[in-house]
PDB file of N, CA and C in Angstrom:
ATOM      1  N   MET A   1     113.938  46.800 185.612  1.00  0.00           N
ATOM      2  CA  MET A   1     114.160  47.976 186.028  1.00  0.00           C
ATOM      3  C   MET A   1     115.487  48.367 186.040  1.00  0.00           C
ATOM      4  N   LYS A   2     115.647  50.129 185.561  1.00  0.00           N
ATOM      5  CA  LYS A   2     116.806  50.783 185.410  1.00  0.00           C
ATOM      6  C   LYS A   2     117.697  50.739 186.803  1.00  0.00           C
ATOM      7  N   GLY A   3     118.857  51.128 186.920  1.00  0.00           N
ATOM      8  CA  GLY A   3     119.267  51.369 188.138  1.00  0.00           C
ATOM      9  C   GLY A   3     119.932  53.072 187.486  1.00  0.00           C
ATOM     10  N   LYS A   4     119.965  53.712 189.018  1.00  0.00           N
ATOM     11  CA  LYS A   4     120.102  55.216 188.690  1.00  0.00           C
ATOM     12  C   LYS A   4     121.318  55.049 189.904  1.00  0.00           C
ATOM     13  N   LEU A   5     122.077  56.063 189.164  1.00  0.00           N
ATOM     14  CA  LEU A   5     123.290  57.021 190.211  1.00  0.00           C
ATOM     15  C   LEU A   5     122.473  57.041 191.098  1.00  0.00           C
ATOM     16  N   ARG A   6     123.034  56.962 192.678  1.00  0.00           N
ATOM     17  CA  ARG A   6     121.836  57.576 193.454  1.00  0.00           C
ATOM     18  C   ARG A   6     123.504  57.948 194.701  1.00  0.00           C
ATOM     19  N   HIS A   7     124.853  57.594 194.787  1.00  0.00           N
ATOM     20  CA  HIS A   7     126.025  57.720 195.444  1.00  0.00           C
ATOM     21  C   HIS A   7     127.433  57.688 194.452  1.00  0.00           C
ATOM     22  N   ILE A   8     127.998  59.065 194.917  1.00  0.00           N
ATOM     23  CA  ILE A   8     129.379  59.156 194.547  1.00  0.00           C
ATOM     24  C   ILE A   8     130.045  59.749 195.349  1.00  0.00           C
ATOM     25  N   ALA A   9     131.474  58.991 195.610  1.00  0.00           N
ATOM     26  CA  ALA A   9     132.607  59.633 196.467  1.00  0.00           C
ATOM     27  C   ALA A   9     133.475  60.050 196.251  1.00  0.00           C
ATOM     28  N   ILE A  10     134.054  61.467 196.243  1.00  0.00           N
ATOM     29  CA  ILE A  10     135.286  61.577 195.670  1.00  0.00           C
ATOM     30  C   ILE A  10     136.175  61.896 197.068  1.00  0.00           C
ATOM     31  N   SER A  11     137.595  61.514 196.941  1.00  0.00           N
ATOM     32  CA  SER A  11     138.563  61.938 197.788  1.00  0.00           C
ATOM     33  C   SER A  11     138.996  63.280 197.443  1.00  0.00           C
ATOM     34  N   VAL A  12     139.273  64.341 198.295  1.00  0.00           N
ATOM     35  CA  VAL A  12     139.766  65.451 198.408  1.00  0.00           C
ATOM     36  C   VAL A  12     140.616  66.078 199.592  1.00  0.00           C
ATOM     37  N   PRO A  13     141.746  66.993 198.900  1.00  0.00           N
ATOM     38  CA  PRO A  13     142.935  67.085 199.794  1.00  0.00           C
ATOM     39  C   PRO A  13     142.434  67.731 201.601  1.00  0.00           C
ATOM     40  N   ASP A  14     140.904  68.639 201.058  1.00  0.00           N
ATOM     41  CA  ASP A  14     140.436  69.410 201.945  1.00  0.00           C
ATOM     42  C   ASP A  14     138.807  69.172 202.239  1.00  0.00           C
ATOM     43  N   ILE A  15     138.072  68.283 203.597  1.00  0.00           N
ATOM     44  CA  ILE A  15     136.975  68.392 203.088  1.00  0.00           C
ATOM     45  C   ILE A  15     135.921  69.845 203.118  1.00  0.00           C
ATOM     46  N   ALA A  16     136.386  70.873 204.237  1.00  0.00           N
ATOM     47  CA  ALA A  16     135.458  72.154 204.014  1.00  0.00           C
ATOM     48  C   ALA A  16     135.465  72.985 202.828  1.00  0.00           C
ATOM     49  N   PRO A  17     136.330  73.166 202.358  1.00  0.00           N
ATOM     50  CA  PRO A  17     136.483  73.608 200.892  1.00  0.00           C
ATOM     51  C   PRO A  17     135.816  73.215 199.678  1.00  0.00           C
ATOM     52  N   ALA A  18     135.951  71.873 199.875  1.00  0.00           N
ATOM     53  CA  ALA A  18     135.325  71.333 198.866  1.00  0.00           C
ATOM     54  C   ALA A  18     133.860  71.169 198.911  1.00  0.00           C
ATOM     55  N   ALA A  19     133.388  70.727 200.453  1.00  0.00           N
ATOM     56  CA  ALA A  19     131.541  71.248 200.779  1.00  0.00           C
ATOM     57  C   ALA A  19     131.121  72.679 200.495  1.00  0.00           C
ATOM     58  N   ARG A  20     131.859  73.551 200.520  1.00  0.00           N
ATOM     59  CA  ARG A  20     131.287  74.841 199.984  1.00  0.00           C
ATOM     60  C   ARG A  20     131.447  74.786 198.829  1.00  0.00           C
ATOM     61  N   PHE A  21     132.035  74.478 197.934  1.00  0.00           N
ATOM     62  CA  PHE A  21     131.728  74.648 196.212  1.00  0.00           C
ATOM     63  C   PHE A  21     130.707  73.761 196.365  1.00  0.00           C
ATOM     64  N   TYR A  22     130.433  72.132 196.625  1.00  0.00           N
ATOM     65  CA  TYR A  22     129.203  70.973 196.409  1.00  0.00           C
ATOM     66  C   TYR A  22     128.204  72.104 196.905  1.00  0.00           C
ATOM     67  N   LYS A  23     127.919  72.239 198.205  1.00  0.00           N
ATOM     68  CA  LYS A  23     126.305  73.125 198.391  1.00  0.00           C
ATOM     69  C   LYS A  23     126.310  74.833 197.726  1.00  0.00           C
ATOM     70  N   GLU A  24     127.152  75.401 197.357  1.00  0.00           N
ATOM     71  CA  GLU A  24     126.852  76.593 196.543  1.00  0.00           C
ATOM     72  C   GLU A  24     126.373  76.206 195.456  1.00  0.00           C
ATOM     73  N   ALA A  25     127.123  75.137 194.595  1.00  0.00           N
ATOM     74  CA  ALA A  25     127.077  75.043 192.969  1.00  0.00           C
ATOM     75  C   ALA A  25     125.998  73.875 192.971  1.00  0.00           C
ATOM     76  N   PHE A  26     125.667  73.447 193.624  1.00  0.00           N
ATOM     77  CA  PHE A  26     124.479  72.312 193.821  1.00  0.00           C
ATOM     78  C   PHE A  26     123.324  72.182 194.588  1.00  0.00           C
ATOM     79  N   GLY A  27     123.294  73.208 195.543  1.00  0.00           N
ATOM     80  CA  GLY A  27     122.594  73.289 196.607  1.00  0.00           C
ATOM     81  C   GLY A  27     122.465  72.331 197.398  1.00  0.00           C
ATOM     82  N   LEU A  28     123.784  71.406 197.450  1.00  0.00           N
ATOM     83  CA  LEU A  28     123.517  70.033 198.460  1.00  0.00           C
ATOM     84  C   LEU A  28     123.320  70.671 200.093  1.00  0.00           C
ATOM     85  N   GLU A  29     123.117  69.672 200.962  1.00  0.00           N
ATOM     86  CA  GLU A  29     123.029  69.788 202.139  1.00  0.00           C
ATOM     87  C   GLU A  29     123.942  68.810 202.791  1.00  0.00           C
ATOM     88  N   GLU A  30     124.493  69.355 204.336  1.00  0.00           N
ATOM     89  CA  GLU A  30     125.377  68.382 204.792  1.00  0.00           C
ATOM     90  C   GLU A  30     124.118  67.086 205.228  1.00  0.00           C
ATOM     91  N   VAL A  31     124.948  66.242 205.228  1.00  0.00           N
ATOM     92  CA  VAL A  31     123.524  65.264 205.698  1.00  0.00           C
ATOM     93  C   VAL A  31     124.283  64.069 207.509  1.00  0.00           C
ATOM     94  N   ASN A  32     126.084  64.202 207.015  1.00  0.00           N
ATOM     95  CA  ASN A  32     126.448  63.156 208.290  1.00  0.00           C
ATOM     96  C   ASN A  32     128.071  63.545 207.896  1.00  0.00           C
ATOM     97  N   TYR A  33     128.301  63.213 209.028  1.00  0.00           N
ATOM     98  CA  TYR A  33     129.851  63.305 208.953  1.00  0.00           C
ATOM     99  C   TYR A  33     130.609  62.038 209.976  1.00  0.00           C
ATOM    100  N   VAL A  34     131.583  61.777 209.464  1.00  0.00           N
ATOM    101  CA  VAL A  34     131.996  60.741 210.118  1.00  0.00           C
ATOM    102  C   VAL A  34     133.669  60.647 210.563  1.00  0.00           C
ATOM    103  N   GLU A  35     134.374  60.631 211.619  1.00  0.00           N
ATOM    104  CA  GLU A  35     135.906  60.517 211.607  1.00  0.00           C
ATOM    105  C   GLU A  35     136.327  59.344 211.905  1.00  0.00           C
ATOM    106  N   THR A  36     137.187  58.647 211.357  1.00  0.00           N
ATOM    107  CA  THR A  36     137.558  57.524 211.452  1.00  0.00           C
ATOM    108  C   THR A  36     139.158  56.965 211.685  1.00  0.00           C
ATOM    109  N   PRO A  37     139.613  56.035 212.266  1.00  0.00           N
ATOM    110  CA  PRO A  37     141.408  56.109 212.088  1.00  0.00           C
ATOM    111  C   PRO A  37     141.974  56.184 210.433  1.00  0.00           C
ATOM    112  N   TYR A  38     141.210  55.427 209.633  1.00  0.00           N
ATOM    113  CA  TYR A  38     141.693  55.929 207.932  1.00  0.00           C
ATOM    114  C   TYR A  38     141.384  57.113 207.341  1.00  0.00           C
ATOM    115  N   GLY A  39     140.468  58.128 207.849  1.00  0.00           N
ATOM    116  CA  GLY A  39     140.164  59.037 207.375  1.00  0.00           C
ATOM    117  C   GLY A  39     139.141  59.867 207.452  1.00  0.00           C
ATOM    118  N   ASP A  40     138.065  60.775 207.112  1.00  0.00           N
ATOM    119  CA  ASP A  40     137.451  61.246 207.277  1.00  0.00           C
ATOM    120  C   ASP A  40     136.006  61.521 206.532  1.00  0.00           C
ATOM    121  N   GLY A  41     134.772  61.822 206.265  1.00  0.00           N
ATOM    122  CA  GLY A  41     134.057  61.838 205.318  1.00  0.00           C
ATOM    123  C   GLY A  41     132.477  62.779 205.597  1.00  0.00           C
ATOM    124  N   LEU A  42     132.098  63.455 204.733  1.00  0.00           N
ATOM    125  CA  LEU A  42     131.528  64.389 204.940  1.00  0.00           C
ATOM    126  C   LEU A  42     130.100  63.528 203.448  1.00  0.00           C
ATOM    127  N   SER A  43     129.196  64.009 204.008  1.00  0.00           N
ATOM    128  CA  SER A  43     128.020  63.143 202.916  1.00  0.00           C
ATOM    129  C   SER A  43     127.167  64.505 202.717  1.00  0.00           C
ATOM    130  N   LEU A  44     126.902  64.615 201.818  1.00  0.00           N
ATOM    131  CA  LEU A  44     125.794  66.046 201.174  1.00  0.00           C
ATOM    132  C   LEU A  44     124.660  65.020 200.381  1.00  0.00           C
ATOM    133  N   SER A  45     123.683  65.786 200.242  1.00  0.00           N
ATOM    134  CA  SER A  45     122.642  65.311 199.562  1.00  0.00           C
ATOM    135  C   SER A  45     121.792  66.500 198.837  1.00  0.00           C
ATOM    136  N   ASP A  46     120.916  66.162 197.816  1.00  0.00           N
ATOM    137  CA  ASP A  46     120.068  66.679 197.351  1.00  0.00           C
ATOM    138  C   ASP A  46     118.472  66.498 197.430  1.00  0.00           C
ATOM    139  N   GLY A  47     118.503  65.578 198.898  1.00  0.00           N
ATOM    140  CA  GLY A  47     117.601  64.415 198.867  1.00  0.00           C
ATOM    141  C   GLY A  47     117.265  63.207 197.754  1.00  0.00           C
ATOM    142  N   VAL A  48     118.499  63.488 196.493  1.00  0.00           N
ATOM    143  CA  VAL A  48     118.040  62.071 195.536  1.00  0.00           C
ATOM    144  C   VAL A  48     119.339  61.579 195.357  1.00  0.00           C
ATOM    145  N   ILE A  49     120.713  62.387 194.915  1.00  0.00           N
ATOM    146  CA  ILE A  49     121.897  61.550 195.408  1.00  0.00           C
ATOM    147  C   ILE A  49     122.468  62.259 196.215  1.00  0.00           C
ATOM    148  N   ASN A  50     123.198  61.375 196.405  1.00  0.00           N
ATOM    149  CA  ASN A  50     124.405  61.481 197.768  1.00  0.00           C
ATOM    150  C   ASN A  50     125.646  61.738 197.314  1.00  0.00           C
ATOM    151  N   LEU A  51     126.972  62.780 197.720  1.00  0.00           N
ATOM    152  CA  LEU A  51     127.864  62.958 197.643  1.00  0.00           C
ATOM    153  C   LEU A  51     128.454  63.181 198.620  1.00  0.00           C
ATOM    154  N   THR A  52     129.672  61.895 198.632  1.00  0.00           N
ATOM    155  CA  THR A  52     130.253  61.803 200.042  1.00  0.00           C
ATOM    156  C   THR A  52     131.823  62.205 199.737  1.00  0.00           C
ATOM    157  N   LEU A  53     132.615  63.269 200.751  1.00  0.00           N
ATOM    158  CA  LEU A  53     133.739  63.830 200.314  1.00  0.00           C
ATOM    159  C   LEU A  53     134.740  63.340 201.388  1.00  0.00           C
ATOM    160  N   LEU A  54     135.369  62.683 200.667  1.00  0.00           N
ATOM    161  CA  LEU A  54     136.163  61.263 201.645  1.00  0.00           C
ATOM    162  C   LEU A  54     137.766  62.584 201.964  1.00  0.00           C
ATOM    163  N   LYS A  55     138.248  62.711 202.820  1.00  0.00           N
ATOM    164  CA  LYS A  55     139.597  62.487 203.180  1.00  0.00           C
ATOM    165  C   LYS A  55     140.362  61.540 204.051  1.00  0.00           C
ATOM    166  N   PHE A  56     141.208  60.983 203.577  1.00  0.00           N
ATOM    167  CA  PHE A  56     142.173  59.827 203.361  1.00  0.00           C
ATOM    168  C   PHE A  56     143.296  60.813 204.256  1.00  0.00           C
ATOM    169  N   HIS A  57     143.645  59.506 205.869  1.00  0.00           N
ATOM    170  CA  HIS A  57     144.839  59.720 206.068  1.00  0.00           C
ATOM    171  C   HIS A  57     146.091  59.402 205.560  1.00  0.00           C
ATOM    172  N   SER A  58     146.265  58.744 204.894  1.00  0.00           N
ATOM    173  CA  SER A  58     146.798  58.268 203.822  1.00  0.00           C
ATOM    174  C   SER A  58     146.852  57.375 202.932  1.00  0.00           C
ATOM    175  N   ASP A  59     147.709  57.300 201.702  1.00  0.00           N
ATOM    176  CA  ASP A  59     147.420  56.713 200.757  1.00  0.00           C
ATOM    177  C   ASP A  59     147.161  54.871 200.907  1.00  0.00           C
ATOM    178  N   ASP A  60     147.848  54.581 201.935  1.00  0.00           N
ATOM    179  CA  ASP A  60     147.336  53.229 202.128  1.00  0.00           C
ATOM    180  C   ASP A  60     145.979  53.355 202.589  1.00  0.00           C
ATOM    181  N   ALA A  61     145.639  54.106 203.543  1.00  0.00           N
ATOM    182  CA  ALA A  61     144.119  54.282 204.014  1.00  0.00           C
ATOM    183  C   ALA A  61     142.929  54.335 203.104  1.00  0.00           C
ATOM    184  N   ALA A  62     143.544  55.069 201.537  1.00  0.00           N
ATOM    185  CA  ALA A  62     142.426  55.066 200.433  1.00  0.00           C
ATOM    186  C   ALA A  62     142.489  53.536 199.699  1.00  0.00           C
ATOM    187  N   GLY A  63     143.942  52.908 199.687  1.00  0.00           N
ATOM    188  CA  GLY A  63     143.915  51.436 199.167  1.00  0.00           C
ATOM    189  C   GLY A  63     144.735  52.184 197.794  1.00  0.00           C
ATOM    190  N   ASP A  64     145.437  52.987 197.437  1.00  0.00           N
ATOM    191  CA  ASP A  64     145.921  52.972 195.978  1.00  0.00           C
ATOM    192  C   ASP A  64     147.090  54.269 196.526  1.00  0.00           C
ATOM    193  N   GLU A  65     147.520  54.673 194.814  1.00  0.00           N
ATOM    194  CA  GLU A  65     148.761  55.657 195.167  1.00  0.00           C
ATOM    195  C   GLU A  65     148.572  56.388 194.789  1.00  0.00           C
ATOM    196  N   ARG A  66     147.414  57.283 194.338  1.00  0.00           N
ATOM    197  CA  ARG A  66     146.951  58.594 193.698  1.00  0.00           C
ATOM    198  C   ARG A  66     147.037  59.643 194.104  1.00  0.00           C
ATOM    199  N   GLY A  67     147.601  59.633 195.564  1.00  0.00           N
ATOM    200  CA  GLY A  67     147.719  61.136 196.465  1.00  0.00           C
ATOM    201  C   GLY A  67     146.686  60.951 197.041  1.00  0.00           C
ATOM    202  N   ASN A  68     145.486  60.459 196.968  1.00  0.00           N
ATOM    203  CA  ASN A  68     144.198  60.440 197.641  1.00  0.00           C
ATOM    204  C   ASN A  68     143.308  61.409 197.169  1.00  0.00           C
ATOM    205  N   ILE A  69     143.438  61.744 195.756  1.00  0.00           N
ATOM    206  CA  ILE A  69     142.775  62.961 195.425  1.00  0.00           C
ATOM    207  C   ILE A  69     141.842  62.060 194.217  1.00  0.00           C
ATOM    208  N   GLY A  70     140.203  62.277 194.173  1.00  0.00           N
ATOM    209  CA  GLY A  70     139.754  62.054 192.657  1.00  0.00           C
ATOM    210  C   GLY A  70     138.758  60.872 193.112  1.00  0.00           C
ATOM    211  N   PRO A  71     137.668  60.729 192.040  1.00  0.00           N
ATOM    212  CA  PRO A  71     136.754  59.968 192.086  1.00  0.00           C
ATOM    213  C   PRO A  71     137.315  58.561 193.012  1.00  0.00           C
ATOM    214  N   GLN A  72     136.628  57.728 193.662  1.00  0.00           N
ATOM    215  CA  GLN A  72     136.865  56.871 194.788  1.00  0.00           C
ATOM    216  C   GLN A  72     135.808  55.839 194.078  1.00  0.00           C
ATOM    217  N   HIS A  73     134.491  56.059 194.437  1.00  0.00           N
ATOM    218  CA  HIS A  73     133.669  54.756 193.897  1.00  0.00           C
ATOM    219  C   HIS A  73     132.207  55.634 193.632  1.00  0.00           C
ATOM    220  N   VAL A  74     131.502  54.874 192.699  1.00  0.00           N
ATOM    221  CA  VAL A  74     130.104  55.205 192.589  1.00  0.00           C
ATOM    222  C   VAL A  74     128.867  53.969 192.983  1.00  0.00           C
ATOM    223  N   ALA A  75     127.654  54.587 193.403  1.00  0.00           N
ATOM    224  CA  ALA A  75     127.125  53.059 193.429  1.00  0.00           C
ATOM    225  C   ALA A  75     125.369  53.293 192.806  1.00  0.00           C
ATOM    226  N   ILE A  76     125.014  52.677 192.069  1.00  0.00           N
ATOM    227  CA  ILE A  76     123.961  52.674 191.248  1.00  0.00           C
ATOM    228  C   ILE A  76     122.812  51.761 192.209  1.00  0.00           C
ATOM    229  N   HIS A  77     121.538  52.419 192.203  1.00  0.00           N
ATOM    230  CA  HIS A  77     120.688  51.824 193.175  1.00  0.00           C
ATOM    231  C   HIS A  77     119.281  51.781 192.200  1.00  0.00           C
ATOM    232  N   PRO A  78     118.596  50.534 192.738  1.00  0.00           N
ATOM    233  CA  PRO A  78     117.292  50.622 191.687  1.00  0.00           C
ATOM    234  C   PRO A  78     115.938  51.320 191.870  1.00  0.00           C
TER     235      PRO A  78
END
């Protein structure tokens, strides 16, 4: 069985405008929002693939020095 891309997480400077873009461009809907001491996250989905927009509170929280912007991780499921 081949795995399929089911989840993408992207670090963004501001969740709200990024969410508007992905909802309008791809017809995604909001499915979950979380706030943590390390950062906030909004999950969007079309029912098959999940896109999570992450806003880290610091570079340390993101675990890198990239300025908290760009691809964070992907998940492939059977």
